[in-house]
Amino acid sequence: MWYVYGIVPADLPLAGVPNGLDDAGVALEPCDGVAALVSVLDGAQYAPAVMEANSGDVDWLSPRAVTHDLVLTWASDQTKGAVVPLPMFSLFSGRDALQAMLRDRSEQLGSALASVAEGREYALRVYRVEAELLGAVTSLSARLDEMAKSAAAASPGQRYLLERKLEAEKKTEARAVSQRIVDEIVTTLAPHALRHVRSPIPRVSDADASITGTMVLNAAFLVAPTAMDDFQKTLTSLLAAHGAHGFRFDFTGPWPPYHFVSEAARGT
């Protein structure tokens, strides 16, 4: 069984490539200017029935996921981002089947490689710490700020009622402020990236959210090397502007361009 990690330029040197799944070697299978990064695995271990039986086994899946990503990360580092990652367990019955796919899709895969070769993928996740944002939300909302001023100027009895109304409005307003700030972050960073994409927020348990905060942005940016300094400076300014208001930034990368070649990868 031929296992494919991803598609790379056909002239990629393999010196230093890590071993693949099941400690198998990793080789290139070239075709029409592109090449598949492949390992030849024991077909019995990856038969459909075996795969189905192991699909819920974290102990079986986890090391293979780590190895799959390790090979792709190595390739991305060697090519400065020019790799089309394929989903885990992209399996072919042999060289002929793989070559047929490469011939059929070489033009699309070559275009995908060229598009991501211009930059590297970076991930940005932003979290909202509820207590901190609630403490600052009045200063971030013109409506709440006006309510607070009205309460301060009111008579004692009216002030009590206005302050209770203000507290009740804070949670609703915090969500609106949070969305506005998230949109501002993306809009401010976008001019320094070749492309960007916002992904769905993954579900987490209440216990996890209480530790890290509530995720409000899950985004990826494809950034050219020449724009990286400006991108990082802009990100630093956003962190300085919003960190004190309860927003936490998690910026990682570079990664293989998982988010920017999905259509080409699905087509294989």
C-alpha atoms as a PDB file:
ATOM      1  CA  MET A   1       0.000   0.000   0.000  1.00  0.00           C
ATOM      2  CA  TRP A   2       1.411   3.392  -1.008  1.00  0.00           C
ATOM      3  CA  TYR A   3       0.839   6.087   1.601  1.00  0.00           C
ATOM      4  CA  VAL A   4       1.070   9.696   0.386  1.00  0.00           C
ATOM      5  CA  TYR A   5       1.878  12.548   2.806  1.00  0.00           C
ATOM      6  CA  GLY A   6       1.700  15.368   0.310  1.00  0.00           C
ATOM      7  CA  ILE A   7       2.795  16.816  -3.009  1.00  0.00           C
ATOM      8  CA  VAL A   8       6.097  18.673  -3.434  1.00  0.00           C
ATOM      9  CA  PRO A   9       8.288  19.937  -6.289  1.00  0.00           C
ATOM     10  CA  ALA A  10       9.834  17.032  -8.169  1.00  0.00           C
ATOM     11  CA  ASP A  11      13.389  18.270  -7.521  1.00  0.00           C
ATOM     12  CA  LEU A  12      13.106  18.259  -3.715  1.00  0.00           C
ATOM     13  CA  PRO A  13      16.291  16.747  -2.191  1.00  0.00           C
ATOM     14  CA  LEU A  14      15.454  14.080   0.377  1.00  0.00           C
ATOM     15  CA  ALA A  15      18.610  14.382   2.499  1.00  0.00           C
ATOM     16  CA  GLY A  16      17.503  14.470   6.117  1.00  0.00           C
ATOM     17  CA  VAL A  17      13.902  13.449   5.526  1.00  0.00           C
ATOM     18  CA  PRO A  18      12.454  11.791   8.671  1.00  0.00           C
ATOM     19  CA  ASN A  19      11.093   8.280   8.605  1.00  0.00           C
ATOM     20  CA  GLY A  20       7.415   7.924   7.885  1.00  0.00           C
ATOM     21  CA  LEU A  21       4.576   5.846   9.270  1.00  0.00           C
ATOM     22  CA  ASP A  22       5.603   2.566  10.891  1.00  0.00           C
ATOM     23  CA  ASP A  23       9.224   3.789  10.615  1.00  0.00           C
ATOM     24  CA  ALA A  24       9.097   3.293   6.840  1.00  0.00           C
ATOM     25  CA  GLY A  25      11.370   5.268   4.565  1.00  0.00           C
ATOM     26  CA  VAL A  26      10.030   8.269   2.664  1.00  0.00           C
ATOM     27  CA  ALA A  27      10.620   8.535  -1.080  1.00  0.00           C
ATOM     28  CA  LEU A  28       9.638  10.749  -4.022  1.00  0.00           C
ATOM     29  CA  GLU A  29       7.353   9.569  -6.803  1.00  0.00           C
ATOM     30  CA  PRO A  30       7.675  12.242  -9.525  1.00  0.00           C
ATOM     31  CA  CYS A  31       5.363  13.030 -12.425  1.00  0.00           C
ATOM     32  CA  ASP A  32       5.150  16.074 -14.703  1.00  0.00           C
ATOM     33  CA  GLY A  33       7.113  18.432 -12.461  1.00  0.00           C
ATOM     34  CA  VAL A  34       5.463  17.479  -9.177  1.00  0.00           C
ATOM     35  CA  ALA A  35       6.115  14.556  -6.864  1.00  0.00           C
ATOM     36  CA  ALA A  36       4.352  12.645  -4.125  1.00  0.00           C
ATOM     37  CA  LEU A  37       6.080  12.051  -0.802  1.00  0.00           C
ATOM     38  CA  VAL A  38       5.375   8.387  -0.195  1.00  0.00           C
ATOM     39  CA  SER A  39       6.000   5.431   2.076  1.00  0.00           C
ATOM     40  CA  VAL A  40       5.278   1.850   1.084  1.00  0.00           C
ATOM     41  CA  LEU A  41       3.390   0.208   3.948  1.00  0.00           C
ATOM     42  CA  ASP A  42       2.114  -3.263   4.782  1.00  0.00           C
ATOM     43  CA  GLY A  43      -1.206  -3.463   2.958  1.00  0.00           C
ATOM     44  CA  ALA A  44      -2.669  -5.835   5.526  1.00  0.00           C
ATOM     45  CA  GLN A  45      -2.162  -3.251   8.283  1.00  0.00           C
ATOM     46  CA  TYR A  46      -4.054  -0.612   6.294  1.00  0.00           C
ATOM     47  CA  ALA A  47      -6.867  -2.698   4.818  1.00  0.00           C
ATOM     48  CA  PRO A  48     -10.300  -1.018   5.070  1.00  0.00           C
ATOM     49  CA  ALA A  49     -11.507  -3.334   7.849  1.00  0.00           C
ATOM     50  CA  VAL A  50      -8.372  -2.723   9.919  1.00  0.00           C
ATOM     51  CA  MET A  51      -8.593   1.033   9.384  1.00  0.00           C
ATOM     52  CA  GLU A  52     -12.224   1.050  10.470  1.00  0.00           C
ATOM     53  CA  ALA A  53     -11.419  -0.969  13.586  1.00  0.00           C
ATOM     54  CA  ASN A  54      -8.629   1.436  14.545  1.00  0.00           C
ATOM     55  CA  SER A  55     -10.445   4.659  13.667  1.00  0.00           C
ATOM     56  CA  GLY A  56     -11.429   5.306  17.286  1.00  0.00           C
ATOM     57  CA  ASP A  57      -8.178   4.139  18.872  1.00  0.00           C
ATOM     58  CA  VAL A  58      -6.274   7.243  19.987  1.00  0.00           C
ATOM     59  CA  ASP A  59      -3.177   5.203  20.836  1.00  0.00           C
ATOM     60  CA  TRP A  60      -3.076   3.927  17.244  1.00  0.00           C
ATOM     61  CA  LEU A  61      -4.007   7.210  15.539  1.00  0.00           C
ATOM     62  CA  SER A  62      -1.936   9.679  17.548  1.00  0.00           C
ATOM     63  CA  PRO A  63       1.598   8.546  16.636  1.00  0.00           C
ATOM     64  CA  ARG A  64       0.600   8.289  12.967  1.00  0.00           C
ATOM     65  CA  ALA A  65      -0.847  11.807  13.021  1.00  0.00           C
ATOM     66  CA  VAL A  66       2.368  13.112  14.586  1.00  0.00           C
ATOM     67  CA  THR A  67       4.501  11.350  11.975  1.00  0.00           C
ATOM     68  CA  HIS A  68       2.311  12.542   9.094  1.00  0.00           C
ATOM     69  CA  ASP A  69       2.694  16.130  10.270  1.00  0.00           C
ATOM     70  CA  LEU A  70       6.430  15.685  10.918  1.00  0.00           C
ATOM     71  CA  VAL A  71       7.077  14.642   7.309  1.00  0.00           C
ATOM     72  CA  LEU A  72       4.979  17.518   5.962  1.00  0.00           C
ATOM     73  CA  THR A  73       6.630  20.048   8.273  1.00  0.00           C
ATOM     74  CA  TRP A  74      10.057  18.865   7.136  1.00  0.00           C
ATOM     75  CA  ALA A  75       8.998  19.230   3.494  1.00  0.00           C
ATOM     76  CA  SER A  76       7.526  22.672   4.135  1.00  0.00           C
ATOM     77  CA  ASP A  77      10.760  23.814   5.771  1.00  0.00           C
ATOM     78  CA  GLN A  78      12.845  22.525   2.849  1.00  0.00           C
ATOM     79  CA  THR A  79      10.664  24.119   0.185  1.00  0.00           C
ATOM     80  CA  LYS A  80       9.866  27.354   2.072  1.00  0.00           C
ATOM     81  CA  GLY A  81       6.216  26.374   2.121  1.00  0.00           C
ATOM     82  CA  ALA A  82       5.759  24.745  -1.290  1.00  0.00           C
ATOM     83  CA  VAL A  83       3.915  21.600  -0.273  1.00  0.00           C
ATOM     84  CA  VAL A  84       0.349  20.418  -0.762  1.00  0.00           C
ATOM     85  CA  PRO A  85      -0.538  18.435   2.373  1.00  0.00           C
ATOM     86  CA  LEU A  86      -2.831  15.491   1.768  1.00  0.00           C
ATOM     87  CA  PRO A  87      -5.250  14.215   4.412  1.00  0.00           C
ATOM     88  CA  MET A  88      -4.084  11.413   6.657  1.00  0.00           C
ATOM     89  CA  PHE A  89      -4.442   7.937   5.169  1.00  0.00           C
ATOM     90  CA  SER A  90      -4.311   8.995   1.532  1.00  0.00           C
ATOM     91  CA  LEU A  91      -3.629   5.478   0.304  1.00  0.00           C
ATOM     92  CA  PHE A  92      -3.046   4.072  -3.177  1.00  0.00           C
ATOM     93  CA  SER A  93      -2.917   0.456  -4.231  1.00  0.00           C
ATOM     94  CA  GLY A  94       0.477   0.885  -5.911  1.00  0.00           C
ATOM     95  CA  ARG A  95       2.691   2.987  -8.182  1.00  0.00           C
ATOM     96  CA  ASP A  96       0.344   2.730 -11.173  1.00  0.00           C
ATOM     97  CA  ALA A  97      -2.633   4.092  -9.223  1.00  0.00           C
ATOM     98  CA  LEU A  98      -0.551   6.923  -7.776  1.00  0.00           C
ATOM     99  CA  GLN A  99       0.939   7.818 -11.146  1.00  0.00           C
ATOM    100  CA  ALA A 100      -2.535   7.926 -12.683  1.00  0.00           C
ATOM    101  CA  MET A 101      -3.651  10.429 -10.045  1.00  0.00           C
ATOM    102  CA  LEU A 102      -0.531  12.565 -10.527  1.00  0.00           C
ATOM    103  CA  ARG A 103      -0.944  12.639 -14.303  1.00  0.00           C
ATOM    104  CA  ASP A 104      -4.613  13.586 -14.017  1.00  0.00           C
ATOM    105  CA  ARG A 105      -4.023  16.353 -11.476  1.00  0.00           C
ATOM    106  CA  SER A 106      -0.472  17.531 -12.152  1.00  0.00           C
ATOM    107  CA  GLU A 107      -1.596  20.907 -13.520  1.00  0.00           C
ATOM    108  CA  GLN A 108      -3.832  21.654 -10.540  1.00  0.00           C
ATOM    109  CA  LEU A 109      -1.246  20.423  -8.056  1.00  0.00           C
ATOM    110  CA  GLY A 110       1.488  22.455  -9.750  1.00  0.00           C
ATOM    111  CA  SER A 111      -0.668  25.582  -9.522  1.00  0.00           C
ATOM    112  CA  ALA A 112      -1.354  24.900  -5.843  1.00  0.00           C
ATOM    113  CA  LEU A 113       2.372  24.514  -5.155  1.00  0.00           C
ATOM    114  CA  ALA A 114       3.123  27.781  -6.933  1.00  0.00           C
ATOM    115  CA  SER A 115       0.462  29.658  -4.985  1.00  0.00           C
ATOM    116  CA  VAL A 116       1.681  28.579  -1.535  1.00  0.00           C
ATOM    117  CA  ALA A 117       5.371  28.908  -2.436  1.00  0.00           C
ATOM    118  CA  GLU A 118       4.971  32.675  -2.112  1.00  0.00           C
ATOM    119  CA  GLY A 119       4.536  32.536   1.677  1.00  0.00           C
ATOM    120  CA  ARG A 120       4.343  30.466   4.855  1.00  0.00           C
ATOM    121  CA  GLU A 121       1.267  29.626   6.905  1.00  0.00           C
ATOM    122  CA  TYR A 122       0.889  31.016  10.420  1.00  0.00           C
ATOM    123  CA  ALA A 123      -1.947  30.323  12.838  1.00  0.00           C
ATOM    124  CA  LEU A 124      -3.546  32.914  15.099  1.00  0.00           C
ATOM    125  CA  ARG A 125      -5.974  32.020  17.841  1.00  0.00           C
ATOM    126  CA  VAL A 126      -7.452  34.697  20.056  1.00  0.00           C
ATOM    127  CA  TYR A 127      -9.124  33.961  23.393  1.00  0.00           C
ATOM    128  CA  ARG A 128     -11.440  36.134  25.493  1.00  0.00           C
ATOM    129  CA  VAL A 129     -11.062  36.083  29.278  1.00  0.00           C
ATOM    130  CA  GLU A 130     -14.602  36.896  30.369  1.00  0.00           C
ATOM    131  CA  ALA A 131     -13.895  38.461  33.774  1.00  0.00           C
ATOM    132  CA  GLU A 132     -11.226  40.776  32.390  1.00  0.00           C
ATOM    133  CA  LEU A 133     -13.349  41.886  29.443  1.00  0.00           C
ATOM    134  CA  LEU A 134     -16.376  42.521  31.652  1.00  0.00           C
ATOM    135  CA  GLY A 135     -14.186  44.738  33.819  1.00  0.00           C
ATOM    136  CA  ALA A 136     -13.107  46.779  30.804  1.00  0.00           C
ATOM    137  CA  VAL A 137     -16.162  46.650  28.565  1.00  0.00           C
ATOM    138  CA  THR A 138     -17.624  49.977  29.706  1.00  0.00           C
ATOM    139  CA  SER A 139     -14.564  51.802  28.402  1.00  0.00           C
ATOM    140  CA  LEU A 140     -14.834  49.939  25.074  1.00  0.00           C
ATOM    141  CA  SER A 141     -18.500  50.689  24.429  1.00  0.00           C
ATOM    142  CA  ALA A 142     -19.816  54.185  23.762  1.00  0.00           C
ATOM    143  CA  ARG A 143     -23.284  53.040  24.796  1.00  0.00           C
ATOM    144  CA  LEU A 144     -22.151  51.646  28.150  1.00  0.00           C
ATOM    145  CA  ASP A 145     -19.892  54.617  28.744  1.00  0.00           C
ATOM    146  CA  GLU A 146     -22.889  56.945  28.303  1.00  0.00           C
ATOM    147  CA  MET A 147     -24.946  54.790  30.689  1.00  0.00           C
ATOM    148  CA  ALA A 148     -22.166  54.957  33.297  1.00  0.00           C
ATOM    149  CA  LYS A 149     -21.976  58.743  33.021  1.00  0.00           C
ATOM    150  CA  SER A 150     -25.742  59.020  33.370  1.00  0.00           C
ATOM    151  CA  ALA A 151     -25.663  56.821  36.463  1.00  0.00           C
ATOM    152  CA  ALA A 152     -22.896  58.884  38.039  1.00  0.00           C
ATOM    153  CA  ALA A 153     -24.870  62.088  37.516  1.00  0.00           C
ATOM    154  CA  ALA A 154     -28.192  60.679  38.762  1.00  0.00           C
ATOM    155  CA  SER A 155     -29.755  60.926  42.202  1.00  0.00           C
ATOM    156  CA  PRO A 156     -28.917  58.067  44.616  1.00  0.00           C
ATOM    157  CA  GLY A 157     -32.165  56.157  44.005  1.00  0.00           C
ATOM    158  CA  GLN A 158     -32.039  56.519  40.234  1.00  0.00           C
ATOM    159  CA  ARG A 159     -28.308  55.764  40.234  1.00  0.00           C
ATOM    160  CA  TYR A 160     -28.953  52.374  41.842  1.00  0.00           C
ATOM    161  CA  LEU A 161     -31.412  51.436  39.109  1.00  0.00           C
ATOM    162  CA  LEU A 162     -29.141  52.686  36.326  1.00  0.00           C
ATOM    163  CA  GLU A 163     -26.142  50.826  37.742  1.00  0.00           C
ATOM    164  CA  ARG A 164     -28.152  47.592  37.899  1.00  0.00           C
ATOM    165  CA  LYS A 165     -29.200  48.081  34.291  1.00  0.00           C
ATOM    166  CA  LEU A 166     -25.577  48.775  33.347  1.00  0.00           C
ATOM    167  CA  GLU A 167     -24.412  45.523  34.945  1.00  0.00           C
ATOM    168  CA  ALA A 168     -27.139  43.577  33.170  1.00  0.00           C
ATOM    169  CA  GLU A 169     -26.088  45.034  29.819  1.00  0.00           C
ATOM    170  CA  LYS A 170     -22.388  44.247  30.191  1.00  0.00           C
ATOM    171  CA  LYS A 171     -22.501  40.588  29.132  1.00  0.00           C
ATOM    172  CA  THR A 172     -24.492  41.289  25.991  1.00  0.00           C
ATOM    173  CA  GLU A 173     -22.306  44.224  25.102  1.00  0.00           C
ATOM    174  CA  ALA A 174     -19.134  42.205  25.790  1.00  0.00           C
ATOM    175  CA  ARG A 175     -20.071  39.778  23.012  1.00  0.00           C
ATOM    176  CA  ALA A 176     -20.611  42.629  20.564  1.00  0.00           C
ATOM    177  CA  VAL A 177     -17.339  44.303  21.576  1.00  0.00           C
ATOM    178  CA  SER A 178     -15.543  40.973  21.268  1.00  0.00           C
ATOM    179  CA  GLN A 179     -16.810  40.483  17.714  1.00  0.00           C
ATOM    180  CA  ARG A 180     -15.831  44.016  16.765  1.00  0.00           C
ATOM    181  CA  ILE A 181     -12.303  43.517  18.097  1.00  0.00           C
ATOM    182  CA  VAL A 182     -11.929  40.155  16.335  1.00  0.00           C
ATOM    183  CA  ASP A 183     -12.994  41.728  13.039  1.00  0.00           C
ATOM    184  CA  GLU A 184     -10.549  44.576  13.651  1.00  0.00           C
ATOM    185  CA  ILE A 185      -7.695  42.108  14.259  1.00  0.00           C
ATOM    186  CA  VAL A 186      -8.335  40.283  10.988  1.00  0.00           C
ATOM    187  CA  THR A 187      -8.869  43.478   8.997  1.00  0.00           C
ATOM    188  CA  THR A 188      -5.676  45.019  10.372  1.00  0.00           C
ATOM    189  CA  LEU A 189      -3.513  41.963   9.685  1.00  0.00           C
ATOM    190  CA  ALA A 190      -4.969  41.075   6.279  1.00  0.00           C
ATOM    191  CA  PRO A 191      -3.031  43.713   4.263  1.00  0.00           C
ATOM    192  CA  HIS A 192       0.241  42.129   5.449  1.00  0.00           C
ATOM    193  CA  ALA A 193      -0.757  38.621   4.273  1.00  0.00           C
ATOM    194  CA  LEU A 194      -1.144  37.085   0.851  1.00  0.00           C
ATOM    195  CA  ARG A 195      -4.273  35.295   1.962  1.00  0.00           C
ATOM    196  CA  HIS A 196      -6.114  34.557   5.154  1.00  0.00           C
ATOM    197  CA  VAL A 197      -8.911  32.265   6.269  1.00  0.00           C
ATOM    198  CA  ARG A 198     -11.110  32.128   9.347  1.00  0.00           C
ATOM    199  CA  SER A 199     -11.963  28.614  10.494  1.00  0.00           C
ATOM    200  CA  PRO A 200     -14.799  27.463  12.760  1.00  0.00           C
ATOM    201  CA  ILE A 201     -14.168  27.706  16.488  1.00  0.00           C
ATOM    202  CA  PRO A 202     -13.488  24.190  17.840  1.00  0.00           C
ATOM    203  CA  ARG A 203     -15.647  23.011  20.690  1.00  0.00           C
ATOM    204  CA  VAL A 204     -13.944  22.823  24.073  1.00  0.00           C
ATOM    205  CA  SER A 205     -15.130  21.844  27.510  1.00  0.00           C
ATOM    206  CA  ASP A 206     -16.101  24.469  30.084  1.00  0.00           C
ATOM    207  CA  ALA A 207     -13.089  23.376  32.147  1.00  0.00           C
ATOM    208  CA  ASP A 208     -10.702  24.050  29.252  1.00  0.00           C
ATOM    209  CA  ALA A 209     -12.338  27.410  28.549  1.00  0.00           C
ATOM    210  CA  SER A 210     -11.924  28.435  32.171  1.00  0.00           C
ATOM    211  CA  ILE A 211      -8.164  27.934  31.837  1.00  0.00           C
ATOM    212  CA  THR A 212      -7.461  29.470  28.430  1.00  0.00           C
ATOM    213  CA  GLY A 213     -10.517  31.669  27.967  1.00  0.00           C
ATOM    214  CA  THR A 214     -13.167  31.427  25.263  1.00  0.00           C
ATOM    215  CA  MET A 215     -11.755  31.168  21.752  1.00  0.00           C
ATOM    216  CA  VAL A 216     -13.120  33.965  19.583  1.00  0.00           C
ATOM    217  CA  LEU A 217     -10.826  33.728  16.556  1.00  0.00           C
ATOM    218  CA  ASN A 218      -9.312  30.731  14.781  1.00  0.00           C
ATOM    219  CA  ALA A 219      -7.485  32.045  11.730  1.00  0.00           C
ATOM    220  CA  ALA A 220      -4.592  31.271   9.409  1.00  0.00           C
ATOM    221  CA  PHE A 221      -2.506  33.714   7.381  1.00  0.00           C
ATOM    222  CA  LEU A 222      -0.246  33.037   4.413  1.00  0.00           C
ATOM    223  CA  VAL A 223       2.573  35.550   4.846  1.00  0.00           C
ATOM    224  CA  ALA A 224       5.375  36.319   2.395  1.00  0.00           C
ATOM    225  CA  PRO A 225       8.875  36.394   3.940  1.00  0.00           C
ATOM    226  CA  THR A 226       9.291  40.021   2.886  1.00  0.00           C
ATOM    227  CA  ALA A 227       6.113  40.989   4.790  1.00  0.00           C
ATOM    228  CA  MET A 228       6.836  39.045   7.972  1.00  0.00           C
ATOM    229  CA  ASP A 229       8.403  41.945   9.894  1.00  0.00           C
ATOM    230  CA  ASP A 230       5.426  44.209   9.215  1.00  0.00           C
ATOM    231  CA  PHE A 231       3.011  41.404  10.051  1.00  0.00           C
ATOM    232  CA  GLN A 232       4.707  40.763  13.400  1.00  0.00           C
ATOM    233  CA  LYS A 233       4.901  44.469  14.268  1.00  0.00           C
ATOM    234  CA  THR A 234       1.205  44.875  13.529  1.00  0.00           C
ATOM    235  CA  LEU A 235       0.369  41.803  15.586  1.00  0.00           C
ATOM    236  CA  THR A 236       2.432  43.164  18.488  1.00  0.00           C
ATOM    237  CA  SER A 237       0.538  46.462  18.347  1.00  0.00           C
ATOM    238  CA  LEU A 238      -2.790  44.601  18.430  1.00  0.00           C
ATOM    239  CA  LEU A 239      -1.639  42.582  21.424  1.00  0.00           C
ATOM    240  CA  ALA A 240      -0.642  45.775  23.212  1.00  0.00           C
ATOM    241  CA  ALA A 241      -3.992  47.366  22.404  1.00  0.00           C
ATOM    242  CA  HIS A 242      -6.214  44.475  23.460  1.00  0.00           C
ATOM    243  CA  GLY A 243      -4.213  42.387  25.926  1.00  0.00           C
ATOM    244  CA  ALA A 244      -5.234  44.559  28.889  1.00  0.00           C
ATOM    245  CA  HIS A 245      -8.904  44.152  27.951  1.00  0.00           C
ATOM    246  CA  GLY A 246      -8.932  40.386  28.398  1.00  0.00           C
ATOM    247  CA  PHE A 247      -7.753  39.112  25.013  1.00  0.00           C
ATOM    248  CA  ARG A 248      -5.009  36.493  24.748  1.00  0.00           C
ATOM    249  CA  PHE A 249      -3.159  35.822  21.492  1.00  0.00           C
ATOM    250  CA  ASP A 250      -1.680  32.446  20.471  1.00  0.00           C
ATOM    251  CA  PHE A 251       0.467  32.856  17.345  1.00  0.00           C
ATOM    252  CA  THR A 252       2.274  29.814  15.939  1.00  0.00           C
ATOM    253  CA  GLY A 253       4.094  28.743  12.792  1.00  0.00           C
ATOM    254  CA  PRO A 254       5.289  28.414  10.197  1.00  0.00           C
ATOM    255  CA  TRP A 255       3.199  25.367   9.338  1.00  0.00           C
ATOM    256  CA  PRO A 256       2.590  23.412   6.160  1.00  0.00           C
ATOM    257  CA  PRO A 257      -0.109  25.327   4.239  1.00  0.00           C
ATOM    258  CA  TYR A 258      -3.004  23.143   5.356  1.00  0.00           C
ATOM    259  CA  HIS A 259      -5.557  25.940   5.063  1.00  0.00           C
ATOM    260  CA  PHE A 260      -4.571  27.191   1.598  1.00  0.00           C
ATOM    261  CA  VAL A 261      -4.475  24.045  -0.528  1.00  0.00           C
ATOM    262  CA  SER A 262      -7.577  22.276   0.754  1.00  0.00           C
ATOM    263  CA  GLU A 263      -9.335  22.188  -2.620  1.00  0.00           C
ATOM    264  CA  ALA A 264      -6.313  20.679  -4.397  1.00  0.00           C
ATOM    265  CA  ALA A 265      -5.836  18.182  -1.581  1.00  0.00           C
ATOM    266  CA  ARG A 266      -9.492  17.126  -1.607  1.00  0.00           C
ATOM    267  CA  GLY A 267      -9.323  16.597  -5.346  1.00  0.00           C
ATOM    268  CA  THR A 268      -6.705  13.903  -4.973  1.00  0.00           C
END
